Amino acid sequence: MKDSPNIRIKVPSFVSSRQNAWFFQRLGEPVEFRADQLIAMPGMYPQYCYFLKTGRVIAGIVSSANRQRLMLSFEDGSLLLEQYQLTGKPCDLYYRAVSPCTAQMISYHDLTQAMKADFSVTLDVLNAISDLGAMSLSQRMFETSADATMKICSQFLDFALAFGEEKDGEIVITEKLTQDKIGALSGLHRVTVSKELKALRERGLIRMVDGYYRISSLAALMDYCDCLLYTSDAADEL
């Protein structure tokens, strides 16, 4: 989605290494990623980690049926792939640039030497890895506890982040989506998906034009998600 710096996307966020952002911006070598460029994939052993200066990167999984599931979103000021680089483990997610990105490409040697020389850099890296675990746990808890309406709404916010383009004041999801695909991604039965999509259409939050879904107002959909989340939290407190 282009030119939307102030939009709050209700998908998993990521750590921003703000304490040493100035340092990471100078560490390693500058690199650019084009929109939709694949940065890493499952089974790959990253030779570098990256400090994202501008743009957005998403990480997710692809099932055997070639279905994608968005798991994490990296904003500017984020470290990515450092957990694989430091542990020597292969990636378990794919990483893809959503928009053109600028970053610093940091080698294992440069990162470990910086961590050795400055403990605050070590803390930034540890916080990034710790937040990654927290985000993953939060995602798993959401997938098991969220009701159908919340899951469908959040799935469409995922779609807006990964495939959304602004047109005529709406967000067009440029990926063709069937109810079966939405159900597979959200873990819901097709009948439930059909019911929830109908409810969102009746509320004027989404519509379909020429086989593509459109979000009439991203702000309205996020407000609706916020309302659902608040209602759920209030019920839990009773």
C-alpha atoms as a PDB file:
ATOM      1  CA  MET A   1       0.000   0.000   0.000  1.00  0.00           C
ATOM      2  CA  LYS A   2       1.537   3.309  -1.027  1.00  0.00           C
ATOM      3  CA  ASP A   3       1.928   6.656   0.756  1.00  0.00           C
ATOM      4  CA  SER A   4       0.197   5.664   4.003  1.00  0.00           C
ATOM      5  CA  PRO A   5       2.723   6.471   6.768  1.00  0.00           C
ATOM      6  CA  ASN A   6       0.091   7.254   9.382  1.00  0.00           C
ATOM      7  CA  ILE A   7      -2.156   4.232   8.887  1.00  0.00           C
ATOM      8  CA  ARG A   8      -2.240   1.820  11.814  1.00  0.00           C
ATOM      9  CA  ILE A   9      -2.296  -1.695  10.407  1.00  0.00           C
ATOM     10  CA  LYS A  10      -3.682  -4.291  12.802  1.00  0.00           C
ATOM     11  CA  VAL A  11      -1.164  -7.019  11.973  1.00  0.00           C
ATOM     12  CA  PRO A  12       1.828  -8.168  13.975  1.00  0.00           C
ATOM     13  CA  SER A  13       4.273  -5.311  14.334  1.00  0.00           C
ATOM     14  CA  PHE A  14       7.993  -5.593  14.881  1.00  0.00           C
ATOM     15  CA  VAL A  15      10.760  -4.193  17.016  1.00  0.00           C
ATOM     16  CA  SER A  16      12.354  -0.861  16.215  1.00  0.00           C
ATOM     17  CA  SER A  17      15.971  -0.540  17.310  1.00  0.00           C
ATOM     18  CA  ARG A  18      15.658   3.155  18.056  1.00  0.00           C
ATOM     19  CA  GLN A  19      18.329   3.340  20.740  1.00  0.00           C
ATOM     20  CA  ASN A  20      21.090   2.642  18.231  1.00  0.00           C
ATOM     21  CA  ALA A  21      19.280   3.416  14.975  1.00  0.00           C
ATOM     22  CA  TRP A  22      21.980   5.917  14.013  1.00  0.00           C
ATOM     23  CA  PHE A  23      24.604   3.214  14.520  1.00  0.00           C
ATOM     24  CA  PHE A  24      22.839   0.495  12.536  1.00  0.00           C
ATOM     25  CA  GLN A  25      22.313   2.952   9.669  1.00  0.00           C
ATOM     26  CA  ARG A  26      26.086   3.104   9.246  1.00  0.00           C
ATOM     27  CA  LEU A  27      26.968  -0.509   9.968  1.00  0.00           C
ATOM     28  CA  GLY A  28      27.665  -2.770   6.989  1.00  0.00           C
ATOM     29  CA  GLU A  29      26.915  -1.821   3.391  1.00  0.00           C
ATOM     30  CA  PRO A  30      23.873  -0.050   1.874  1.00  0.00           C
ATOM     31  CA  VAL A  31      21.508  -2.193  -0.192  1.00  0.00           C
ATOM     32  CA  GLU A  32      18.163  -1.681  -1.928  1.00  0.00           C
ATOM     33  CA  PHE A  33      15.241  -4.062  -2.464  1.00  0.00           C
ATOM     34  CA  ARG A  34      12.643  -3.596  -5.169  1.00  0.00           C
ATOM     35  CA  ALA A  35       8.949  -4.024  -4.419  1.00  0.00           C
ATOM     36  CA  ASP A  36       7.974  -7.725  -4.228  1.00  0.00           C
ATOM     37  CA  GLN A  37      11.615  -8.835  -4.053  1.00  0.00           C
ATOM     38  CA  LEU A  38      12.136 -12.060  -2.121  1.00  0.00           C
ATOM     39  CA  ILE A  39      14.830 -11.486   0.518  1.00  0.00           C
ATOM     40  CA  ALA A  40      14.914 -14.917   2.177  1.00  0.00           C
ATOM     41  CA  MET A  41      12.983 -18.170   2.016  1.00  0.00           C
ATOM     42  CA  PRO A  42      12.512 -21.253   4.230  1.00  0.00           C
ATOM     43  CA  GLY A  43      15.589 -23.461   4.385  1.00  0.00           C
ATOM     44  CA  MET A  44      17.965 -20.646   3.462  1.00  0.00           C
ATOM     45  CA  TYR A  45      20.950 -19.860   5.733  1.00  0.00           C
ATOM     46  CA  PRO A  46      21.236 -16.036   5.710  1.00  0.00           C
ATOM     47  CA  GLN A  47      24.754 -14.701   5.267  1.00  0.00           C
ATOM     48  CA  TYR A  48      23.621 -11.228   6.270  1.00  0.00           C
ATOM     49  CA  CYS A  49      21.092  -9.541   8.502  1.00  0.00           C
ATOM     50  CA  TYR A  50      19.527  -6.205   7.577  1.00  0.00           C
ATOM     51  CA  PHE A  51      18.663  -2.948   9.262  1.00  0.00           C
ATOM     52  CA  LEU A  52      15.636  -1.561   7.438  1.00  0.00           C
ATOM     53  CA  LYS A  53      15.940   2.189   6.891  1.00  0.00           C
ATOM     54  CA  THR A  54      12.927   2.819   4.653  1.00  0.00           C
ATOM     55  CA  GLY A  55      10.102   0.686   3.265  1.00  0.00           C
ATOM     56  CA  ARG A  56       8.244  -2.346   4.555  1.00  0.00           C
ATOM     57  CA  VAL A  57       9.083  -6.052   4.638  1.00  0.00           C
ATOM     58  CA  ILE A  58       6.683  -8.870   5.495  1.00  0.00           C
ATOM     59  CA  ALA A  59       7.434 -12.397   6.636  1.00  0.00           C
ATOM     60  CA  GLY A  60       5.159 -15.400   6.452  1.00  0.00           C
ATOM     61  CA  ILE A  61       4.690 -19.004   5.490  1.00  0.00           C
ATOM     62  CA  VAL A  62       3.630 -20.748   2.297  1.00  0.00           C
ATOM     63  CA  SER A  63       1.762 -24.025   2.588  1.00  0.00           C
ATOM     64  CA  SER A  64       2.084 -27.019   0.278  1.00  0.00           C
ATOM     65  CA  ALA A  65      -0.988 -25.717  -1.520  1.00  0.00           C
ATOM     66  CA  ASN A  66       0.915 -22.459  -2.230  1.00  0.00           C
ATOM     67  CA  ARG A  67      -1.225 -20.500   0.235  1.00  0.00           C
ATOM     68  CA  GLN A  68       0.452 -17.561   1.943  1.00  0.00           C
ATOM     69  CA  ARG A  69      -0.016 -16.544   5.579  1.00  0.00           C
ATOM     70  CA  LEU A  70       1.365 -13.229   6.799  1.00  0.00           C
ATOM     71  CA  MET A  71       3.053 -13.553  10.186  1.00  0.00           C
ATOM     72  CA  LEU A  72       5.194 -10.442  10.761  1.00  0.00           C
ATOM     73  CA  SER A  73       5.578  -6.923   9.423  1.00  0.00           C
ATOM     74  CA  PHE A  74       8.890  -5.042   9.562  1.00  0.00           C
ATOM     75  CA  GLU A  75       8.832  -1.245   9.624  1.00  0.00           C
ATOM     76  CA  ASP A  76      11.714   1.165   9.117  1.00  0.00           C
ATOM     77  CA  GLY A  77      14.103   1.008  12.071  1.00  0.00           C
ATOM     78  CA  SER A  78      13.845  -2.782  12.326  1.00  0.00           C
ATOM     79  CA  LEU A  79      16.377  -5.585  12.319  1.00  0.00           C
ATOM     80  CA  LEU A  80      15.528  -8.677  10.323  1.00  0.00           C
ATOM     81  CA  LEU A  81      17.125 -12.101   9.906  1.00  0.00           C
ATOM     82  CA  GLU A  82      19.531 -11.508  12.798  1.00  0.00           C
ATOM     83  CA  GLN A  83      18.142 -14.469  14.758  1.00  0.00           C
ATOM     84  CA  TYR A  84      19.063 -16.883  11.953  1.00  0.00           C
ATOM     85  CA  GLN A  85      22.424 -15.282  11.306  1.00  0.00           C
ATOM     86  CA  LEU A  86      23.527 -15.439  14.962  1.00  0.00           C
ATOM     87  CA  THR A  87      22.264 -18.975  15.645  1.00  0.00           C
ATOM     88  CA  GLY A  88      23.268 -20.501  12.313  1.00  0.00           C
ATOM     89  CA  LYS A  89      19.759 -21.878  11.841  1.00  0.00           C
ATOM     90  CA  PRO A  90      17.873 -21.862   8.519  1.00  0.00           C
ATOM     91  CA  CYS A  91      14.929 -19.547   7.873  1.00  0.00           C
ATOM     92  CA  ASP A  92      11.501 -20.909   8.663  1.00  0.00           C
ATOM     93  CA  LEU A  93       9.656 -18.014   6.965  1.00  0.00           C
ATOM     94  CA  TYR A  94       9.809 -16.250   3.638  1.00  0.00           C
ATOM     95  CA  TYR A  95      10.761 -12.545   3.750  1.00  0.00           C
ATOM     96  CA  ARG A  96       9.533 -10.219   1.010  1.00  0.00           C
ATOM     97  CA  ALA A  97       9.744  -6.471   0.397  1.00  0.00           C
ATOM     98  CA  VAL A  98       6.259  -4.989   0.027  1.00  0.00           C
ATOM     99  CA  SER A  99       7.550  -1.655  -1.255  1.00  0.00           C
ATOM    100  CA  PRO A 100      10.942  -0.363  -2.436  1.00  0.00           C
ATOM    101  CA  CYS A 101      13.287  -0.550   0.560  1.00  0.00           C
ATOM    102  CA  THR A 102      16.666   0.777   1.597  1.00  0.00           C
ATOM    103  CA  ALA A 103      18.665  -1.106   4.204  1.00  0.00           C
ATOM    104  CA  GLN A 104      22.075  -1.786   5.628  1.00  0.00           C
ATOM    105  CA  MET A 105      23.418  -5.266   4.852  1.00  0.00           C
ATOM    106  CA  ILE A 106      25.344  -6.434   7.926  1.00  0.00           C
ATOM    107  CA  SER A 107      27.695  -9.409   8.026  1.00  0.00           C
ATOM    108  CA  TYR A 108      28.062 -11.791  10.967  1.00  0.00           C
ATOM    109  CA  HIS A 109      31.523 -10.393  11.685  1.00  0.00           C
ATOM    110  CA  ASP A 110      30.376  -6.756  11.691  1.00  0.00           C
ATOM    111  CA  LEU A 111      27.354  -7.476  13.886  1.00  0.00           C
ATOM    112  CA  THR A 112      29.202  -9.564  16.464  1.00  0.00           C
ATOM    113  CA  GLN A 113      32.080  -7.082  16.649  1.00  0.00           C
ATOM    114  CA  ALA A 114      29.615  -4.239  17.220  1.00  0.00           C
ATOM    115  CA  MET A 115      27.864  -6.258  19.928  1.00  0.00           C
ATOM    116  CA  LYS A 116      31.224  -6.984  21.564  1.00  0.00           C
ATOM    117  CA  ALA A 117      32.283  -3.333  21.478  1.00  0.00           C
ATOM    118  CA  ASP A 118      29.019  -1.797  22.733  1.00  0.00           C
ATOM    119  CA  PHE A 119      26.696  -3.540  25.182  1.00  0.00           C
ATOM    120  CA  SER A 120      23.773  -1.296  24.197  1.00  0.00           C
ATOM    121  CA  VAL A 121      23.993  -2.731  20.670  1.00  0.00           C
ATOM    122  CA  THR A 122      23.850  -6.218  22.193  1.00  0.00           C
ATOM    123  CA  LEU A 123      20.725  -5.206  24.123  1.00  0.00           C
ATOM    124  CA  ASP A 124      19.095  -3.917  20.929  1.00  0.00           C
ATOM    125  CA  VAL A 125      19.758  -7.224  19.175  1.00  0.00           C
ATOM    126  CA  LEU A 126      18.519  -9.241  22.163  1.00  0.00           C
ATOM    127  CA  ASN A 127      15.393  -7.093  22.386  1.00  0.00           C
ATOM    128  CA  ALA A 128      14.735  -7.655  18.684  1.00  0.00           C
ATOM    129  CA  ILE A 129      14.981 -11.425  19.102  1.00  0.00           C
ATOM    130  CA  SER A 130      12.893 -11.327  22.289  1.00  0.00           C
ATOM    131  CA  ASP A 131      10.182  -9.275  20.589  1.00  0.00           C
ATOM    132  CA  LEU A 132      10.171 -11.723  17.687  1.00  0.00           C
ATOM    133  CA  GLY A 133       9.310 -14.529  20.107  1.00  0.00           C
ATOM    134  CA  ALA A 134       6.640 -12.397  21.762  1.00  0.00           C
ATOM    135  CA  MET A 135       5.076 -11.537  18.386  1.00  0.00           C
ATOM    136  CA  SER A 136       5.008 -15.205  17.381  1.00  0.00           C
ATOM    137  CA  LEU A 137       3.348 -16.177  20.672  1.00  0.00           C
ATOM    138  CA  SER A 138       0.816 -13.390  20.314  1.00  0.00           C
ATOM    139  CA  GLN A 139       0.028 -14.552  16.782  1.00  0.00           C
ATOM    140  CA  ARG A 140      -0.524 -18.148  17.910  1.00  0.00           C
ATOM    141  CA  MET A 141      -2.746 -17.011  20.792  1.00  0.00           C
ATOM    142  CA  PHE A 142      -4.759 -14.855  18.413  1.00  0.00           C
ATOM    143  CA  GLU A 143      -5.230 -17.677  15.930  1.00  0.00           C
ATOM    144  CA  THR A 144      -6.613 -19.967  18.627  1.00  0.00           C
ATOM    145  CA  SER A 145      -8.748 -17.490  20.566  1.00  0.00           C
ATOM    146  CA  ALA A 146     -10.077 -14.869  18.163  1.00  0.00           C
ATOM    147  CA  ASP A 147     -13.661 -15.242  17.001  1.00  0.00           C
ATOM    148  CA  ALA A 148     -14.588 -15.593  13.349  1.00  0.00           C
ATOM    149  CA  THR A 149     -15.416 -11.920  12.783  1.00  0.00           C
ATOM    150  CA  MET A 150     -12.118 -10.735  14.212  1.00  0.00           C
ATOM    151  CA  LYS A 151     -10.197 -13.307  12.179  1.00  0.00           C
ATOM    152  CA  ILE A 152     -11.828 -12.249   8.910  1.00  0.00           C
ATOM    153  CA  CYS A 153     -11.342  -8.534   9.639  1.00  0.00           C
ATOM    154  CA  SER A 154      -7.701  -9.032  10.552  1.00  0.00           C
ATOM    155  CA  GLN A 155      -7.211 -11.212   7.477  1.00  0.00           C
ATOM    156  CA  PHE A 156      -8.423  -8.377   5.269  1.00  0.00           C
ATOM    157  CA  LEU A 157      -6.058  -5.978   7.022  1.00  0.00           C
ATOM    158  CA  ASP A 158      -3.293  -8.488   6.240  1.00  0.00           C
ATOM    159  CA  PHE A 159      -4.401  -8.458   2.609  1.00  0.00           C
ATOM    160  CA  ALA A 160      -4.388  -4.652   2.583  1.00  0.00           C
ATOM    161  CA  LEU A 161      -0.810  -4.639   3.812  1.00  0.00           C
ATOM    162  CA  ALA A 162       0.452  -7.300   1.411  1.00  0.00           C
ATOM    163  CA  PHE A 163      -1.645  -6.670  -1.718  1.00  0.00           C
ATOM    164  CA  GLY A 164      -3.484  -3.371  -1.200  1.00  0.00           C
ATOM    165  CA  GLU A 165      -3.449  -0.505  -3.677  1.00  0.00           C
ATOM    166  CA  GLU A 166      -5.294   2.782  -3.259  1.00  0.00           C
ATOM    167  CA  LYS A 167      -7.819   3.551  -5.988  1.00  0.00           C
ATOM    168  CA  ASP A 168     -10.718   5.995  -5.964  1.00  0.00           C
ATOM    169  CA  GLY A 169     -10.494   6.367  -2.197  1.00  0.00           C
ATOM    170  CA  GLU A 170     -10.678   2.609  -1.582  1.00  0.00           C
ATOM    171  CA  ILE A 171      -8.105  -0.110  -1.006  1.00  0.00           C
ATOM    172  CA  VAL A 172      -8.162  -2.659  -3.820  1.00  0.00           C
ATOM    173  CA  ILE A 173      -6.873  -6.125  -2.914  1.00  0.00           C
ATOM    174  CA  THR A 174      -4.972  -6.947  -6.093  1.00  0.00           C
ATOM    175  CA  GLU A 175      -4.837 -10.680  -5.310  1.00  0.00           C
ATOM    176  CA  LYS A 176      -7.911 -12.670  -6.371  1.00  0.00           C
ATOM    177  CA  LEU A 177      -9.374 -14.290  -3.268  1.00  0.00           C
ATOM    178  CA  THR A 178     -11.847 -17.133  -3.080  1.00  0.00           C
ATOM    179  CA  GLN A 179     -13.817 -17.995   0.036  1.00  0.00           C
ATOM    180  CA  ASP A 180     -11.914 -21.262   0.205  1.00  0.00           C
ATOM    181  CA  LYS A 181      -8.589 -19.408   0.233  1.00  0.00           C
ATOM    182  CA  ILE A 182      -9.767 -16.960   2.892  1.00  0.00           C
ATOM    183  CA  GLY A 183     -10.994 -19.899   4.951  1.00  0.00           C
ATOM    184  CA  ALA A 184      -7.678 -21.718   4.627  1.00  0.00           C
ATOM    185  CA  LEU A 185      -5.726 -18.643   5.709  1.00  0.00           C
ATOM    186  CA  SER A 186      -7.991 -17.820   8.640  1.00  0.00           C
ATOM    187  CA  GLY A 187      -8.677 -21.397   9.756  1.00  0.00           C
ATOM    188  CA  LEU A 188     -12.427 -21.062   9.262  1.00  0.00           C
ATOM    189  CA  HIS A 189     -15.005 -23.209   7.464  1.00  0.00           C
ATOM    190  CA  ARG A 190     -16.164 -21.902   4.095  1.00  0.00           C
ATOM    191  CA  VAL A 191     -19.746 -21.488   5.393  1.00  0.00           C
ATOM    192  CA  THR A 192     -18.478 -19.306   8.241  1.00  0.00           C
ATOM    193  CA  VAL A 193     -16.377 -17.258   5.833  1.00  0.00           C
ATOM    194  CA  SER A 194     -19.399 -16.684   3.593  1.00  0.00           C
ATOM    195  CA  LYS A 195     -21.468 -15.508   6.560  1.00  0.00           C
ATOM    196  CA  GLU A 196     -18.777 -13.122   7.814  1.00  0.00           C
ATOM    197  CA  LEU A 197     -18.121 -11.660   4.358  1.00  0.00           C
ATOM    198  CA  LYS A 198     -21.835 -11.019   3.934  1.00  0.00           C
ATOM    199  CA  ALA A 199     -21.910  -9.204   7.285  1.00  0.00           C
ATOM    200  CA  LEU A 200     -18.946  -7.017   6.301  1.00  0.00           C
ATOM    201  CA  ARG A 201     -20.589  -6.195   2.964  1.00  0.00           C
ATOM    202  CA  GLU A 202     -23.821  -5.250   4.720  1.00  0.00           C
ATOM    203  CA  ARG A 203     -21.847  -2.922   6.998  1.00  0.00           C
ATOM    204  CA  GLY A 204     -20.339  -1.302   3.914  1.00  0.00           C
ATOM    205  CA  LEU A 205     -16.809  -2.233   4.934  1.00  0.00           C
ATOM    206  CA  ILE A 206     -15.940  -4.363   1.893  1.00  0.00           C
ATOM    207  CA  ARG A 207     -17.317  -4.964  -1.571  1.00  0.00           C
ATOM    208  CA  MET A 208     -16.295  -6.897  -4.671  1.00  0.00           C
ATOM    209  CA  VAL A 209     -15.770  -5.326  -8.084  1.00  0.00           C
ATOM    210  CA  ASP A 210     -14.731  -7.326 -11.156  1.00  0.00           C
ATOM    211  CA  GLY A 211     -13.670 -10.274  -9.006  1.00  0.00           C
ATOM    212  CA  TYR A 212     -11.492  -8.237  -6.625  1.00  0.00           C
ATOM    213  CA  TYR A 213     -12.305  -7.266  -3.068  1.00  0.00           C
ATOM    214  CA  ARG A 214     -12.250  -3.607  -2.115  1.00  0.00           C
ATOM    215  CA  ILE A 215     -12.029  -2.173   1.385  1.00  0.00           C
ATOM    216  CA  SER A 216     -14.286   0.866   1.318  1.00  0.00           C
ATOM    217  CA  SER A 217     -12.472   2.582   4.197  1.00  0.00           C
ATOM    218  CA  LEU A 218      -9.362   1.189   5.834  1.00  0.00           C
ATOM    219  CA  ALA A 219      -9.884   3.476   8.845  1.00  0.00           C
ATOM    220  CA  ALA A 220     -13.458   2.225   9.265  1.00  0.00           C
ATOM    221  CA  LEU A 221     -12.340  -1.414   9.088  1.00  0.00           C
ATOM    222  CA  MET A 222      -9.599  -0.785  11.670  1.00  0.00           C
ATOM    223  CA  ASP A 223     -12.080   1.014  13.937  1.00  0.00           C
ATOM    224  CA  TYR A 224     -14.430  -1.953  13.624  1.00  0.00           C
ATOM    225  CA  CYS A 225     -11.574  -4.305  14.577  1.00  0.00           C
ATOM    226  CA  ASP A 226     -10.743  -2.070  17.530  1.00  0.00           C
ATOM    227  CA  CYS A 227     -14.382  -2.189  18.607  1.00  0.00           C
ATOM    228  CA  LEU A 228     -14.441  -5.983  18.371  1.00  0.00           C
ATOM    229  CA  LEU A 229     -11.205  -6.208  20.360  1.00  0.00           C
ATOM    230  CA  TYR A 230     -12.526  -3.839  23.037  1.00  0.00           C
ATOM    231  CA  THR A 231     -15.778  -5.785  23.299  1.00  0.00           C
ATOM    232  CA  SER A 232     -13.845  -9.049  23.603  1.00  0.00           C
ATOM    233  CA  ASP A 233     -11.542  -7.625  26.302  1.00  0.00           C
ATOM    234  CA  ALA A 234     -14.507  -6.235  28.227  1.00  0.00           C
ATOM    235  CA  ALA A 235     -16.255  -9.608  28.124  1.00  0.00           C
ATOM    236  CA  ASP A 236     -13.122 -11.308  29.427  1.00  0.00           C
ATOM    237  CA  GLU A 237     -13.089  -8.978  32.436  1.00  0.00           C
ATOM    238  CA  LEU A 238     -16.666  -9.860  33.448  1.00  0.00           C
END
